[in-house]
Amino acid sequence: MNFRQYLGLLRAEYAAKLIRTTDAALSAVSSSAGFDSQRTFNRVFHAKYGMSPREYRNHVRQSK
């Protein structure tokens, strides 16, 4: 794993935390986590969690 991949995973983990703990828009979560584009955010997040950020949010909400 190179530095860029590692940084992407850290950002995805932070974004997942924001999704779980806030009601912020996914575009705001993406920016807060340091992603330059929504597309990159979706790709990296899906690689880490196996689902899109929207699916993750829906899953978290259903689990409550």
PDB file of N, CA and C in Angstrom:
ATOM      1  N   MET A   1       0.854  -1.173   0.000  1.00  0.00           N
ATOM      2  CA  MET A   1       0.000   0.000   0.000  1.00  0.00           C
ATOM      3  C   MET A   1       0.899   1.235   0.000  1.00  0.00           C
ATOM      4  N   ASN A   2       0.615   2.124  -0.909  1.00  0.00           N
ATOM      5  CA  ASN A   2       1.403   3.352  -0.938  1.00  0.00           C
ATOM      6  C   ASN A   2       0.735   4.438  -0.092  1.00  0.00           C
ATOM      7  N   PHE A   3       1.409   5.567   0.027  1.00  0.00           N
ATOM      8  CA  PHE A   3       0.922   6.644   0.890  1.00  0.00           C
ATOM      9  C   PHE A   3      -0.442   7.167   0.445  1.00  0.00           C
ATOM     10  N   ARG A   4      -0.624   7.319  -0.848  1.00  0.00           N
ATOM     11  CA  ARG A   4      -1.892   7.849  -1.372  1.00  0.00           C
ATOM     12  C   ARG A   4      -3.056   6.922  -1.022  1.00  0.00           C
ATOM     13  N   GLN A   5      -2.850   5.614  -1.149  1.00  0.00           N
ATOM     14  CA  GLN A   5      -3.895   4.644  -0.792  1.00  0.00           C
ATOM     15  C   GLN A   5      -4.194   4.699   0.706  1.00  0.00           C
ATOM     16  N   TYR A   6      -3.141   4.778   1.504  1.00  0.00           N
ATOM     17  CA  TYR A   6      -3.301   4.858   2.955  1.00  0.00           C
ATOM     18  C   TYR A   6      -4.087   6.108   3.351  1.00  0.00           C
ATOM     19  N   LEU A   7      -3.736   7.227   2.762  1.00  0.00           N
ATOM     20  CA  LEU A   7      -4.426   8.478   3.047  1.00  0.00           C
ATOM     21  C   LEU A   7      -5.906   8.380   2.655  1.00  0.00           C
ATOM     22  N   GLY A   8      -6.180   7.754   1.517  1.00  0.00           N
ATOM     23  CA  GLY A   8      -7.563   7.567   1.087  1.00  0.00           C
ATOM     24  C   GLY A   8      -8.360   6.738   2.082  1.00  0.00           C
ATOM     25  N   LEU A   9      -7.738   5.683   2.614  1.00  0.00           N
ATOM     26  CA  LEU A   9      -8.420   4.844   3.605  1.00  0.00           C
ATOM     27  C   LEU A   9      -8.687   5.610   4.902  1.00  0.00           C
ATOM     28  N   LEU A  10      -7.723   6.405   5.342  1.00  0.00           N
ATOM     29  CA  LEU A  10      -7.938   7.220   6.533  1.00  0.00           C
ATOM     30  C   LEU A  10      -9.079   8.210   6.315  1.00  0.00           C
ATOM     31  N   ARG A  11      -9.104   8.822   5.139  1.00  0.00           N
ATOM     32  CA  ARG A  11     -10.174   9.774   4.832  1.00  0.00           C
ATOM     33  C   ARG A  11     -11.525   9.072   4.788  1.00  0.00           C
ATOM     34  N   ALA A  12     -11.570   7.862   4.233  1.00  0.00           N
ATOM     35  CA  ALA A  12     -12.817   7.100   4.167  1.00  0.00           C
ATOM     36  C   ALA A  12     -13.297   6.747   5.577  1.00  0.00           C
ATOM     37  N   GLU A  13     -12.376   6.370   6.454  1.00  0.00           N
ATOM     38  CA  GLU A  13     -12.751   6.056   7.840  1.00  0.00           C
ATOM     39  C   GLU A  13     -13.314   7.285   8.544  1.00  0.00           C
ATOM     40  N   TYR A  14     -12.692   8.430   8.319  1.00  0.00           N
ATOM     41  CA  TYR A  14     -13.187   9.670   8.919  1.00  0.00           C
ATOM     42  C   TYR A  14     -14.562  10.023   8.353  1.00  0.00           C
ATOM     43  N   ALA A  15     -14.731   9.841   7.055  1.00  0.00           N
ATOM     44  CA  ALA A  15     -16.023  10.120   6.430  1.00  0.00           C
ATOM     45  C   ALA A  15     -17.104   9.198   6.995  1.00  0.00           C
ATOM     46  N   ALA A  16     -16.778   7.931   7.204  1.00  0.00           N
ATOM     47  CA  ALA A  16     -17.743   6.991   7.776  1.00  0.00           C
ATOM     48  C   ALA A  16     -18.150   7.437   9.176  1.00  0.00           C
ATOM     49  N   LYS A  17     -17.196   7.930   9.935  1.00  0.00           N
ATOM     50  CA  LYS A  17     -17.509   8.438  11.278  1.00  0.00           C
ATOM     51  C   LYS A  17     -18.458   9.623  11.186  1.00  0.00           C
ATOM     52  N   LEU A  18     -18.200  10.534  10.260  1.00  0.00           N
ATOM     53  CA  LEU A  18     -19.083  11.687  10.078  1.00  0.00           C
ATOM     54  C   LEU A  18     -20.481  11.250   9.648  1.00  0.00           C
ATOM     55  N   ILE A  19     -20.554  10.272   8.779  1.00  0.00           N
ATOM     56  CA  ILE A  19     -21.852   9.769   8.322  1.00  0.00           C
ATOM     57  C   ILE A  19     -22.629   9.175   9.499  1.00  0.00           C
ATOM     58  N   ARG A  20     -21.931   8.441  10.356  1.00  0.00           N
ATOM     59  CA  ARG A  20     -22.590   7.819  11.511  1.00  0.00           C
ATOM     60  C   ARG A  20     -23.034   8.834  12.558  1.00  0.00           C
ATOM     61  N   THR A  21     -22.288   9.921  12.715  1.00  0.00           N
ATOM     62  CA  THR A  21     -22.522  10.823  13.840  1.00  0.00           C
ATOM     63  C   THR A  21     -23.173  12.149  13.486  1.00  0.00           C
ATOM     64  N   THR A  22     -23.331  12.449  12.199  1.00  0.00           N
ATOM     65  CA  THR A  22     -23.942  13.718  11.797  1.00  0.00           C
ATOM     66  C   THR A  22     -25.000  13.471  10.729  1.00  0.00           C
ATOM     67  N   ASP A  23     -25.759  14.518  10.459  1.00  0.00           N
ATOM     68  CA  ASP A  23     -26.724  14.485   9.355  1.00  0.00           C
ATOM     69  C   ASP A  23     -26.258  15.370   8.208  1.00  0.00           C
ATOM     70  N   ALA A  24     -24.975  15.652   8.153  1.00  0.00           N
ATOM     71  CA  ALA A  24     -24.411  16.510   7.111  1.00  0.00           C
ATOM     72  C   ALA A  24     -24.611  15.870   5.736  1.00  0.00           C
ATOM     73  N   ALA A  25     -24.746  16.718   4.743  1.00  0.00           N
ATOM     74  CA  ALA A  25     -24.863  16.241   3.365  1.00  0.00           C
ATOM     75  C   ALA A  25     -23.600  15.471   2.988  1.00  0.00           C
ATOM     76  N   LEU A  26     -23.750  14.487   2.123  1.00  0.00           N
ATOM     77  CA  LEU A  26     -22.592  13.673   1.728  1.00  0.00           C
ATOM     78  C   LEU A  26     -21.532  14.507   1.030  1.00  0.00           C
ATOM     79  N   SER A  27     -21.939  15.547   0.322  1.00  0.00           N
ATOM     80  CA  SER A  27     -20.941  16.420  -0.309  1.00  0.00           C
ATOM     81  C   SER A  27     -20.128  17.158   0.755  1.00  0.00           C
ATOM     82  N   ALA A  28     -20.766  17.556   1.853  1.00  0.00           N
ATOM     83  CA  ALA A  28     -20.051  18.211   2.947  1.00  0.00           C
ATOM     84  C   ALA A  28     -19.132  17.220   3.657  1.00  0.00           C
ATOM     85  N   VAL A  29     -19.592  15.990   3.822  1.00  0.00           N
ATOM     86  CA  VAL A  29     -18.765  14.942   4.436  1.00  0.00           C
ATOM     87  C   VAL A  29     -17.524  14.711   3.577  1.00  0.00           C
ATOM     88  N   SER A  30     -17.733  14.618   2.273  1.00  0.00           N
ATOM     89  CA  SER A  30     -16.630  14.400   1.338  1.00  0.00           C
ATOM     90  C   SER A  30     -15.573  15.506   1.470  1.00  0.00           C
ATOM     91  N   SER A  31     -16.024  16.736   1.475  1.00  0.00           N
ATOM     92  CA  SER A  31     -15.097  17.872   1.602  1.00  0.00           C
ATOM     93  C   SER A  31     -14.403  17.879   2.952  1.00  0.00           C
ATOM     94  N   SER A  32     -15.157  17.626   4.012  1.00  0.00           N
ATOM     95  CA  SER A  32     -14.580  17.622   5.363  1.00  0.00           C
ATOM     96  C   SER A  32     -13.518  16.542   5.521  1.00  0.00           C
ATOM     97  N   ALA A  33     -13.715  15.429   4.834  1.00  0.00           N
ATOM     98  CA  ALA A  33     -12.759  14.325   4.919  1.00  0.00           C
ATOM     99  C   ALA A  33     -11.534  14.548   4.034  1.00  0.00           C
ATOM    100  N   GLY A  34     -11.557  15.592   3.216  1.00  0.00           N
ATOM    101  CA  GLY A  34     -10.382  15.933   2.425  1.00  0.00           C
ATOM    102  C   GLY A  34     -10.383  15.431   0.996  1.00  0.00           C
ATOM    103  N   PHE A  35     -11.525  14.941   0.518  1.00  0.00           N
ATOM    104  CA  PHE A  35     -11.591  14.477  -0.867  1.00  0.00           C
ATOM    105  C   PHE A  35     -11.803  15.665  -1.793  1.00  0.00           C
ATOM    106  N   ASP A  36     -11.080  15.670  -2.913  1.00  0.00           N
ATOM    107  CA  ASP A  36     -11.191  16.762  -3.874  1.00  0.00           C
ATOM    108  C   ASP A  36     -12.429  16.635  -4.746  1.00  0.00           C
ATOM    109  N   SER A  37     -12.886  15.411  -4.965  1.00  0.00           N
ATOM    110  CA  SER A  37     -14.048  15.227  -5.832  1.00  0.00           C
ATOM    111  C   SER A  37     -14.985  14.180  -5.244  1.00  0.00           C
ATOM    112  N   GLN A  38     -16.243  14.319  -5.575  1.00  0.00           N
ATOM    113  CA  GLN A  38     -17.249  13.362  -5.128  1.00  0.00           C
ATOM    114  C   GLN A  38     -16.973  11.983  -5.727  1.00  0.00           C
ATOM    115  N   ARG A  39     -16.504  11.959  -6.947  1.00  0.00           N
ATOM    116  CA  ARG A  39     -16.214  10.697  -7.622  1.00  0.00           C
ATOM    117  C   ARG A  39     -15.117   9.907  -6.887  1.00  0.00           C
ATOM    118  N   THR A  40     -14.054  10.601  -6.517  1.00  0.00           N
ATOM    119  CA  THR A  40     -12.976   9.946  -5.773  1.00  0.00           C
ATOM    120  C   THR A  40     -13.476   9.467  -4.420  1.00  0.00           C
ATOM    121  N   PHE A  41     -14.259  10.296  -3.748  1.00  0.00           N
ATOM    122  CA  PHE A  41     -14.848   9.922  -2.464  1.00  0.00           C
ATOM    123  C   PHE A  41     -15.649   8.629  -2.604  1.00  0.00           C
ATOM    124  N   ASN A  42     -16.531   8.576  -3.594  1.00  0.00           N
ATOM    125  CA  ASN A  42     -17.354   7.378  -3.793  1.00  0.00           C
ATOM    126  C   ASN A  42     -16.502   6.142  -4.083  1.00  0.00           C
ATOM    127  N   ARG A  43     -15.489   6.301  -4.920  1.00  0.00           N
ATOM    128  CA  ARG A  43     -14.636   5.171  -5.300  1.00  0.00           C
ATOM    129  C   ARG A  43     -13.849   4.627  -4.110  1.00  0.00           C
ATOM    130  N   VAL A  44     -13.213   5.517  -3.368  1.00  0.00           N
ATOM    131  CA  VAL A  44     -12.403   5.094  -2.225  1.00  0.00           C
ATOM    132  C   VAL A  44     -13.293   4.523  -1.125  1.00  0.00           C
ATOM    133  N   PHE A  45     -14.428   5.170  -0.874  1.00  0.00           N
ATOM    134  CA  PHE A  45     -15.341   4.702   0.169  1.00  0.00           C
ATOM    135  C   PHE A  45     -15.865   3.317  -0.174  1.00  0.00           C
ATOM    136  N   HIS A  46     -16.228   3.104  -1.435  1.00  0.00           N
ATOM    137  CA  HIS A  46     -16.737   1.798  -1.866  1.00  0.00           C
ATOM    138  C   HIS A  46     -15.664   0.722  -1.734  1.00  0.00           C
ATOM    139  N   ALA A  47     -14.431   1.067  -2.059  1.00  0.00           N
ATOM    140  CA  ALA A  47     -13.337   0.102  -1.936  1.00  0.00           C
ATOM    141  C   ALA A  47     -13.137  -0.324  -0.481  1.00  0.00           C
ATOM    142  N   LYS A  48     -13.327   0.598   0.456  1.00  0.00           N
ATOM    143  CA  LYS A  48     -13.119   0.308   1.877  1.00  0.00           C
ATOM    144  C   LYS A  48     -14.313  -0.421   2.490  1.00  0.00           C
ATOM    145  N   TYR A  49     -15.529   0.017   2.180  1.00  0.00           N
ATOM    146  CA  TYR A  49     -16.714  -0.487   2.868  1.00  0.00           C
ATOM    147  C   TYR A  49     -17.621  -1.383   2.023  1.00  0.00           C
ATOM    148  N   GLY A  50     -17.347  -1.496   0.736  1.00  0.00           N
ATOM    149  CA  GLY A  50     -18.147  -2.378  -0.110  1.00  0.00           C
ATOM    150  C   GLY A  50     -19.520  -1.831  -0.444  1.00  0.00           C
ATOM    151  N   MET A  51     -19.732  -0.554  -0.191  1.00  0.00           N
ATOM    152  CA  MET A  51     -21.003   0.095  -0.531  1.00  0.00           C
ATOM    153  C   MET A  51     -20.744   1.589  -0.685  1.00  0.00           C
ATOM    154  N   SER A  52     -21.669   2.252  -1.339  1.00  0.00           N
ATOM    155  CA  SER A  52     -21.520   3.692  -1.535  1.00  0.00           C
ATOM    156  C   SER A  52     -21.776   4.419  -0.217  1.00  0.00           C
ATOM    157  N   PRO A  53     -21.349   5.665  -0.111  1.00  0.00           N
ATOM    158  CA  PRO A  53     -21.636   6.433   1.104  1.00  0.00           C
ATOM    159  C   PRO A  53     -23.140   6.529   1.384  1.00  0.00           C
ATOM    160  N   ARG A  54     -23.951   6.669   0.356  1.00  0.00           N
ATOM    161  CA  ARG A  54     -25.407   6.746   0.535  1.00  0.00           C
ATOM    162  C   ARG A  54     -25.957   5.432   1.081  1.00  0.00           C
ATOM    163  N   GLU A  55     -25.487   4.319   0.534  1.00  0.00           N
ATOM    164  CA  GLU A  55     -25.915   3.005   1.043  1.00  0.00           C
ATOM    165  C   GLU A  55     -25.476   2.827   2.486  1.00  0.00           C
ATOM    166  N   TYR A  56     -24.271   3.283   2.796  1.00  0.00           N
ATOM    167  CA  TYR A  56     -23.754   3.188   4.166  1.00  0.00           C
ATOM    168  C   TYR A  56     -24.636   3.988   5.120  1.00  0.00           C
ATOM    169  N   ARG A  57     -24.997   5.203   4.729  1.00  0.00           N
ATOM    170  CA  ARG A  57     -25.867   6.037   5.566  1.00  0.00           C
ATOM    171  C   ARG A  57     -27.214   5.358   5.791  1.00  0.00           C
ATOM    172  N   ASN A  58     -27.783   4.800   4.729  1.00  0.00           N
ATOM    173  CA  ASN A  58     -29.070   4.111   4.864  1.00  0.00           C
ATOM    174  C   ASN A  58     -28.947   2.895   5.785  1.00  0.00           C
ATOM    175  N   HIS A  59     -27.857   2.174   5.660  1.00  0.00           N
ATOM    176  CA  HIS A  59     -27.609   1.007   6.510  1.00  0.00           C
ATOM    177  C   HIS A  59     -27.495   1.409   7.985  1.00  0.00           C
ATOM    178  N   VAL A  60     -26.769   2.489   8.242  1.00  0.00           N
ATOM    179  CA  VAL A  60     -26.592   2.976   9.611  1.00  0.00           C
ATOM    180  C   VAL A  60     -27.940   3.415  10.191  1.00  0.00           C
ATOM    181  N   ARG A  61     -28.718   4.105   9.396  1.00  0.00           N
ATOM    182  CA  ARG A  61     -30.028   4.581   9.877  1.00  0.00           C
ATOM    183  C   ARG A  61     -30.975   3.427  10.161  1.00  0.00           C
ATOM    184  N   GLN A  62     -30.923   2.374   9.361  1.00  0.00           N
ATOM    185  CA  GLN A  62     -31.796   1.221   9.567  1.00  0.00           C
ATOM    186  C   GLN A  62     -31.377   0.430  10.797  1.00  0.00           C
ATOM    187  N   SER A  63     -30.094   0.482  11.142  1.00  0.00           N
ATOM    188  CA  SER A  63     -29.574  -0.266  12.276  1.00  0.00           C
ATOM    189  C   SER A  63     -29.958   0.347  13.614  1.00  0.00           C
ATOM    190  N   LYS A  64     -30.372   1.601  13.592  1.00  0.00           N
ATOM    191  CA  LYS A  64     -30.715   2.286  14.851  1.00  0.00           C
ATOM    192  C   LYS A  64     -32.072   1.886  15.342  1.00  0.00           C
TER     193      LYS A  64
END
